[in-house]
Amino acid sequence: MKDNMDRDIPYVSKELCAYLRERFSLPNLLRAIEDEDSTADRSLGALEGINLIIEELEGICTMQEERDGIRG
């Protein structure tokens, strides 16, 4: 099995990461949760999942910048 360095990882732009951070900011998420009938555990799980995905994309973006010499 190949590790992450051997896979073809699609390009992740810094603008996409910034957009997702803003779109899924805590205030925006809290407003969305207020509109739903969900439990606290489910809401917390959703917040955690969204944050993990964005952090992974930011990590890919950083890796690409380092590889391309944009980030030192």
PDB file of N, CA and C in Angstrom:
ATOM      1  N   MET A   1       0.839  -1.186   0.000  1.00  0.00           N
ATOM      2  CA  MET A   1       0.000   0.000   0.000  1.00  0.00           C
ATOM      3  C   MET A   1       0.878   1.242   0.000  1.00  0.00           C
ATOM      4  N   LYS A   2       0.456   2.214  -0.760  1.00  0.00           N
ATOM      5  CA  LYS A   2       1.226   3.445  -0.868  1.00  0.00           C
ATOM      6  C   LYS A   2       0.922   4.369   0.301  1.00  0.00           C
ATOM      7  N   ASP A   3       1.928   5.113   0.742  1.00  0.00           N
ATOM      8  CA  ASP A   3       1.660   6.116   1.771  1.00  0.00           C
ATOM      9  C   ASP A   3       1.240   7.419   1.088  1.00  0.00           C
ATOM     10  N   ASN A   4       0.955   8.431   1.873  1.00  0.00           N
ATOM     11  CA  ASN A   4       0.449   9.686   1.319  1.00  0.00           C
ATOM     12  C   ASN A   4       1.408  10.345   0.338  1.00  0.00           C
ATOM     13  N   MET A   5       2.700  10.152   0.508  1.00  0.00           N
ATOM     14  CA  MET A   5       3.660  10.801  -0.366  1.00  0.00           C
ATOM     15  C   MET A   5       3.641  10.184  -1.763  1.00  0.00           C
ATOM     16  N   ASP A   6       3.191   8.939  -1.895  1.00  0.00           N
ATOM     17  CA  ASP A   6       3.162   8.277  -3.190  1.00  0.00           C
ATOM     18  C   ASP A   6       1.846   8.476  -3.927  1.00  0.00           C
ATOM     19  N   ARG A   7       0.864   9.008  -3.278  1.00  0.00           N
ATOM     20  CA  ARG A   7      -0.445   9.207  -3.896  1.00  0.00           C
ATOM     21  C   ARG A   7      -0.479  10.502  -4.680  1.00  0.00           C
ATOM     22  N   ASP A   8      -1.365  10.539  -5.643  1.00  0.00           N
ATOM     23  CA  ASP A   8      -1.609  11.780  -6.370  1.00  0.00           C
ATOM     24  C   ASP A   8      -2.630  12.592  -5.583  1.00  0.00           C
ATOM     25  N   ILE A   9      -2.152  13.582  -4.871  1.00  0.00           N
ATOM     26  CA  ILE A   9      -3.023  14.420  -4.047  1.00  0.00           C
ATOM     27  C   ILE A   9      -3.405  15.640  -4.872  1.00  0.00           C
ATOM     28  N   PRO A  10      -4.703  15.908  -5.015  1.00  0.00           N
ATOM     29  CA  PRO A  10      -5.122  17.074  -5.789  1.00  0.00           C
ATOM     30  C   PRO A  10      -4.624  18.366  -5.154  1.00  0.00           C
ATOM     31  N   TYR A  11      -4.454  19.367  -5.982  1.00  0.00           N
ATOM     32  CA  TYR A  11      -4.011  20.667  -5.503  1.00  0.00           C
ATOM     33  C   TYR A  11      -5.049  21.258  -4.558  1.00  0.00           C
ATOM     34  N   VAL A  12      -4.587  21.800  -3.440  1.00  0.00           N
ATOM     35  CA  VAL A  12      -5.452  22.478  -2.472  1.00  0.00           C
ATOM     36  C   VAL A  12      -4.971  23.919  -2.365  1.00  0.00           C
ATOM     37  N   SER A  13      -5.838  24.858  -2.720  1.00  0.00           N
ATOM     38  CA  SER A  13      -5.430  26.261  -2.689  1.00  0.00           C
ATOM     39  C   SER A  13      -5.588  26.850  -1.296  1.00  0.00           C
ATOM     40  N   LYS A  14      -4.755  27.837  -1.037  1.00  0.00           N
ATOM     41  CA  LYS A  14      -4.835  28.560   0.229  1.00  0.00           C
ATOM     42  C   LYS A  14      -6.181  29.283   0.338  1.00  0.00           C
ATOM     43  N   GLU A  15      -6.684  29.753  -0.806  1.00  0.00           N
ATOM     44  CA  GLU A  15      -7.967  30.454  -0.830  1.00  0.00           C
ATOM     45  C   GLU A  15      -9.110  29.521  -0.429  1.00  0.00           C
ATOM     46  N   LEU A  16      -9.044  28.261  -0.862  1.00  0.00           N
ATOM     47  CA  LEU A  16     -10.069  27.289  -0.484  1.00  0.00           C
ATOM     48  C   LEU A  16     -10.073  27.089   1.031  1.00  0.00           C
ATOM     49  N   CYS A  17      -8.900  26.936   1.612  1.00  0.00           N
ATOM     50  CA  CYS A  17      -8.794  26.745   3.062  1.00  0.00           C
ATOM     51  C   CYS A  17      -9.348  27.952   3.809  1.00  0.00           C
ATOM     52  N   ALA A  18      -9.009  29.151   3.340  1.00  0.00           N
ATOM     53  CA  ALA A  18      -9.517  30.375   3.982  1.00  0.00           C
ATOM     54  C   ALA A  18     -11.033  30.462   3.847  1.00  0.00           C
ATOM     55  N   TYR A  19     -11.549  30.105   2.672  1.00  0.00           N
ATOM     56  CA  TYR A  19     -12.998  30.126   2.464  1.00  0.00           C
ATOM     57  C   TYR A  19     -13.694  29.160   3.421  1.00  0.00           C
ATOM     58  N   LEU A  20     -13.178  27.933   3.519  1.00  0.00           N
ATOM     59  CA  LEU A  20     -13.794  26.938   4.395  1.00  0.00           C
ATOM     60  C   LEU A  20     -13.727  27.355   5.857  1.00  0.00           C
ATOM     61  N   ARG A  21     -12.612  27.950   6.285  1.00  0.00           N
ATOM     62  CA  ARG A  21     -12.492  28.435   7.669  1.00  0.00           C
ATOM     63  C   ARG A  21     -13.561  29.483   7.960  1.00  0.00           C
ATOM     64  N   GLU A  22     -13.795  30.377   6.993  1.00  0.00           N
ATOM     65  CA  GLU A  22     -14.802  31.416   7.181  1.00  0.00           C
ATOM     66  C   GLU A  22     -16.210  30.828   7.104  1.00  0.00           C
ATOM     67  N   ARG A  23     -16.455  30.015   6.108  1.00  0.00           N
ATOM     68  CA  ARG A  23     -17.791  29.432   5.898  1.00  0.00           C
ATOM     69  C   ARG A  23     -18.211  28.575   7.084  1.00  0.00           C
ATOM     70  N   PHE A  24     -17.277  27.822   7.633  1.00  0.00           N
ATOM     71  CA  PHE A  24     -17.572  26.927   8.743  1.00  0.00           C
ATOM     72  C   PHE A  24     -16.985  27.452  10.051  1.00  0.00           C
ATOM     73  N   SER A  25     -17.035  28.768  10.219  1.00  0.00           N
ATOM     74  CA  SER A  25     -16.572  29.372  11.468  1.00  0.00           C
ATOM     75  C   SER A  25     -17.547  28.991  12.580  1.00  0.00           C
ATOM     76  N   LEU A  26     -17.093  29.102  13.799  1.00  0.00           N
ATOM     77  CA  LEU A  26     -17.928  28.725  14.940  1.00  0.00           C
ATOM     78  C   LEU A  26     -19.271  29.458  14.948  1.00  0.00           C
ATOM     79  N   PRO A  27     -19.304  30.781  14.750  1.00  0.00           N
ATOM     80  CA  PRO A  27     -20.609  31.457  14.745  1.00  0.00           C
ATOM     81  C   PRO A  27     -21.543  30.931  13.650  1.00  0.00           C
ATOM     82  N   ASN A  28     -21.004  30.685  12.459  1.00  0.00           N
ATOM     83  CA  ASN A  28     -21.840  30.165  11.376  1.00  0.00           C
ATOM     84  C   ASN A  28     -22.361  28.771  11.697  1.00  0.00           C
ATOM     85  N   LEU A  29     -21.517  27.940  12.275  1.00  0.00           N
ATOM     86  CA  LEU A  29     -21.933  26.584  12.622  1.00  0.00           C
ATOM     87  C   LEU A  29     -22.972  26.596  13.740  1.00  0.00           C
ATOM     88  N   LEU A  30     -22.796  27.468  14.716  1.00  0.00           N
ATOM     89  CA  LEU A  30     -23.761  27.541  15.805  1.00  0.00           C
ATOM     90  C   LEU A  30     -25.135  27.976  15.299  1.00  0.00           C
ATOM     91  N   ARG A  31     -25.154  28.892  14.339  1.00  0.00           N
ATOM     92  CA  ARG A  31     -26.425  29.304  13.740  1.00  0.00           C
ATOM     93  C   ARG A  31     -27.082  28.133  13.014  1.00  0.00           C
ATOM     94  N   ALA A  32     -26.291  27.337  12.316  1.00  0.00           N
ATOM     95  CA  ALA A  32     -26.823  26.183  11.582  1.00  0.00           C
ATOM     96  C   ALA A  32     -27.346  25.126  12.547  1.00  0.00           C
ATOM     97  N   ILE A  33     -26.659  24.941  13.661  1.00  0.00           N
ATOM     98  CA  ILE A  33     -27.069  23.936  14.636  1.00  0.00           C
ATOM     99  C   ILE A  33     -28.367  24.337  15.311  1.00  0.00           C
ATOM    100  N   GLU A  34     -28.554  25.640  15.559  1.00  0.00           N
ATOM    101  CA  GLU A  34     -29.781  26.123  16.194  1.00  0.00           C
ATOM    102  C   GLU A  34     -31.018  25.759  15.382  1.00  0.00           C
ATOM    103  N   ASP A  35     -30.853  25.679  14.065  1.00  0.00           N
ATOM    104  CA  ASP A  35     -31.983  25.409  13.188  1.00  0.00           C
ATOM    105  C   ASP A  35     -32.354  23.932  13.125  1.00  0.00           C
ATOM    106  N   GLU A  36     -31.514  23.065  13.650  1.00  0.00           N
ATOM    107  CA  GLU A  36     -31.732  21.625  13.548  1.00  0.00           C
ATOM    108  C   GLU A  36     -32.183  21.042  14.882  1.00  0.00           C
ATOM    109  N   ASP A  37     -32.790  19.876  14.797  1.00  0.00           N
ATOM    110  CA  ASP A  37     -33.122  19.097  15.977  1.00  0.00           C
ATOM    111  C   ASP A  37     -32.001  18.083  16.188  1.00  0.00           C
ATOM    112  N   SER A  38     -30.937  18.480  16.833  1.00  0.00           N
ATOM    113  CA  SER A  38     -29.820  17.554  17.018  1.00  0.00           C
ATOM    114  C   SER A  38     -29.359  17.572  18.468  1.00  0.00           C
ATOM    115  N   THR A  39     -28.718  16.495  18.852  1.00  0.00           N
ATOM    116  CA  THR A  39     -28.212  16.385  20.208  1.00  0.00           C
ATOM    117  C   THR A  39     -26.871  17.103  20.313  1.00  0.00           C
ATOM    118  N   ALA A  40     -26.456  17.357  21.538  1.00  0.00           N
ATOM    119  CA  ALA A  40     -25.165  18.015  21.763  1.00  0.00           C
ATOM    120  C   ALA A  40     -24.026  17.148  21.245  1.00  0.00           C
ATOM    121  N   ASP A  41     -24.111  15.833  21.450  1.00  0.00           N
ATOM    122  CA  ASP A  41     -23.049  14.941  20.975  1.00  0.00           C
ATOM    123  C   ASP A  41     -22.936  14.970  19.455  1.00  0.00           C
ATOM    124  N   ARG A  42     -24.082  14.965  18.801  1.00  0.00           N
ATOM    125  CA  ARG A  42     -24.074  15.003  17.336  1.00  0.00           C
ATOM    126  C   ARG A  42     -23.511  16.329  16.830  1.00  0.00           C
ATOM    127  N   SER A  43     -23.894  17.416  17.454  1.00  0.00           N
ATOM    128  CA  SER A  43     -23.398  18.731  17.057  1.00  0.00           C
ATOM    129  C   SER A  43     -21.897  18.836  17.282  1.00  0.00           C
ATOM    130  N   LEU A  44     -21.437  18.366  18.425  1.00  0.00           N
ATOM    131  CA  LEU A  44     -20.004  18.397  18.708  1.00  0.00           C
ATOM    132  C   LEU A  44     -19.236  17.529  17.720  1.00  0.00           C
ATOM    133  N   GLY A  45     -19.787  16.374  17.396  1.00  0.00           N
ATOM    134  CA  GLY A  45     -19.149  15.496  16.414  1.00  0.00           C
ATOM    135  C   GLY A  45     -19.048  16.151  15.051  1.00  0.00           C
ATOM    136  N   ALA A  46     -20.098  16.857  14.650  1.00  0.00           N
ATOM    137  CA  ALA A  46     -20.074  17.557  13.365  1.00  0.00           C
ATOM    138  C   ALA A  46     -19.011  18.646  13.366  1.00  0.00           C
ATOM    139  N   LEU A  47     -18.954  19.428  14.443  1.00  0.00           N
ATOM    140  CA  LEU A  47     -17.936  20.479  14.555  1.00  0.00           C
ATOM    141  C   LEU A  47     -16.536  19.896  14.479  1.00  0.00           C
ATOM    142  N   GLU A  48     -16.324  18.805  15.199  1.00  0.00           N
ATOM    143  CA  GLU A  48     -15.007  18.167  15.207  1.00  0.00           C
ATOM    144  C   GLU A  48     -14.655  17.638  13.819  1.00  0.00           C
ATOM    145  N   GLY A  49     -15.616  17.012  13.156  1.00  0.00           N
ATOM    146  CA  GLY A  49     -15.370  16.467  11.821  1.00  0.00           C
ATOM    147  C   GLY A  49     -15.032  17.537  10.809  1.00  0.00           C
ATOM    148  N   ILE A  50     -15.782  18.621  10.823  1.00  0.00           N
ATOM    149  CA  ILE A  50     -15.517  19.728   9.908  1.00  0.00           C
ATOM    150  C   ILE A  50     -14.124  20.291  10.150  1.00  0.00           C
ATOM    151  N   ASN A  51     -13.775  20.476  11.416  1.00  0.00           N
ATOM    152  CA  ASN A  51     -12.464  21.021  11.751  1.00  0.00           C
ATOM    153  C   ASN A  51     -11.339  20.086  11.301  1.00  0.00           C
ATOM    154  N   LEU A  52     -11.507  18.785  11.486  1.00  0.00           N
ATOM    155  CA  LEU A  52     -10.485  17.827  11.072  1.00  0.00           C
ATOM    156  C   LEU A  52     -10.272  17.847   9.562  1.00  0.00           C
ATOM    157  N   ILE A  53     -11.347  17.947   8.809  1.00  0.00           N
ATOM    158  CA  ILE A  53     -11.227  18.003   7.349  1.00  0.00           C
ATOM    159  C   ILE A  53     -10.491  19.256   6.919  1.00  0.00           C
ATOM    160  N   ILE A  54     -10.859  20.401   7.483  1.00  0.00           N
ATOM    161  CA  ILE A  54     -10.189  21.650   7.122  1.00  0.00           C
ATOM    162  C   ILE A  54      -8.724  21.602   7.521  1.00  0.00           C
ATOM    163  N   GLU A  55      -8.407  21.064   8.698  1.00  0.00           N
ATOM    164  CA  GLU A  55      -7.002  20.941   9.113  1.00  0.00           C
ATOM    165  C   GLU A  55      -6.222  20.052   8.159  1.00  0.00           C
ATOM    166  N   GLU A  56      -6.819  18.980   7.681  1.00  0.00           N
ATOM    167  CA  GLU A  56      -6.150  18.094   6.727  1.00  0.00           C
ATOM    168  C   GLU A  56      -5.875  18.826   5.415  1.00  0.00           C
ATOM    169  N   LEU A  57      -6.850  19.582   4.934  1.00  0.00           N
ATOM    170  CA  LEU A  57      -6.657  20.363   3.709  1.00  0.00           C
ATOM    171  C   LEU A  57      -5.576  21.425   3.899  1.00  0.00           C
ATOM    172  N   GLU A  58      -5.565  22.073   5.059  1.00  0.00           N
ATOM    173  CA  GLU A  58      -4.513  23.064   5.343  1.00  0.00           C
ATOM    174  C   GLU A  58      -3.141  22.399   5.379  1.00  0.00           C
ATOM    175  N   GLY A  59      -3.078  21.191   5.909  1.00  0.00           N
ATOM    176  CA  GLY A  59      -1.815  20.454   5.922  1.00  0.00           C
ATOM    177  C   GLY A  59      -1.332  20.129   4.526  1.00  0.00           C
ATOM    178  N   ILE A  60      -2.246  19.724   3.656  1.00  0.00           N
ATOM    179  CA  ILE A  60      -1.884  19.447   2.259  1.00  0.00           C
ATOM    180  C   ILE A  60      -1.401  20.722   1.588  1.00  0.00           C
ATOM    181  N   CYS A  61      -2.093  21.827   1.839  1.00  0.00           N
ATOM    182  CA  CYS A  61      -1.707  23.119   1.271  1.00  0.00           C
ATOM    183  C   CYS A  61      -0.298  23.506   1.718  1.00  0.00           C
ATOM    184  N   THR A  62      -0.016  23.350   2.998  1.00  0.00           N
ATOM    185  CA  THR A  62       1.317  23.661   3.534  1.00  0.00           C
ATOM    186  C   THR A  62       2.375  22.762   2.897  1.00  0.00           C
ATOM    187  N   MET A  63       2.078  21.470   2.772  1.00  0.00           N
ATOM    188  CA  MET A  63       3.012  20.530   2.155  1.00  0.00           C
ATOM    189  C   MET A  63       3.303  20.940   0.711  1.00  0.00           C
ATOM    190  N   GLN A  64       2.281  21.351  -0.020  1.00  0.00           N
ATOM    191  CA  GLN A  64       2.471  21.770  -1.405  1.00  0.00           C
ATOM    192  C   GLN A  64       3.306  23.038  -1.482  1.00  0.00           C
ATOM    193  N   GLU A  65       3.047  23.978  -0.579  1.00  0.00           N
ATOM    194  CA  GLU A  65       3.835  25.214  -0.567  1.00  0.00           C
ATOM    195  C   GLU A  65       5.297  24.929  -0.254  1.00  0.00           C
ATOM    196  N   GLU A  66       5.557  24.034   0.687  1.00  0.00           N
ATOM    197  CA  GLU A  66       6.933  23.686   1.011  1.00  0.00           C
ATOM    198  C   GLU A  66       7.613  22.994  -0.160  1.00  0.00           C
ATOM    199  N   ARG A  67       6.884  22.101  -0.811  1.00  0.00           N
ATOM    200  CA  ARG A  67       7.444  21.385  -1.964  1.00  0.00           C
ATOM    201  C   ARG A  67       7.758  22.338  -3.104  1.00  0.00           C
ATOM    202  N   ASP A  68       6.899  23.351  -3.304  1.00  0.00           N
ATOM    203  CA  ASP A  68       7.075  24.287  -4.390  1.00  0.00           C
ATOM    204  C   ASP A  68       7.993  25.463  -4.028  1.00  0.00           C
ATOM    205  N   GLY A  69       8.512  25.475  -2.796  1.00  0.00           N
ATOM    206  CA  GLY A  69       9.433  26.525  -2.371  1.00  0.00           C
ATOM    207  C   GLY A  69       8.753  27.816  -1.988  1.00  0.00           C
ATOM    208  N   ILE A  70       7.431  27.795  -1.820  1.00  0.00           N
ATOM    209  CA  ILE A  70       6.706  29.004  -1.451  1.00  0.00           C
ATOM    210  C   ILE A  70       6.840  29.258   0.046  1.00  0.00           C
ATOM    211  N   ARG A  71       6.910  28.188   0.808  1.00  0.00           N
ATOM    212  CA  ARG A  71       6.989  28.282   2.263  1.00  0.00           C
ATOM    213  C   ARG A  71       8.348  27.702   2.672  1.00  0.00           C
ATOM    214  N   GLY A  72       9.017  28.381   3.586  1.00  0.00           N
ATOM    215  CA  GLY A  72      10.357  27.964   3.986  1.00  0.00           C
ATOM    216  C   GLY A  72      10.451  27.008   5.067  1.00  0.00           C
TER     217      GLY A  72
END
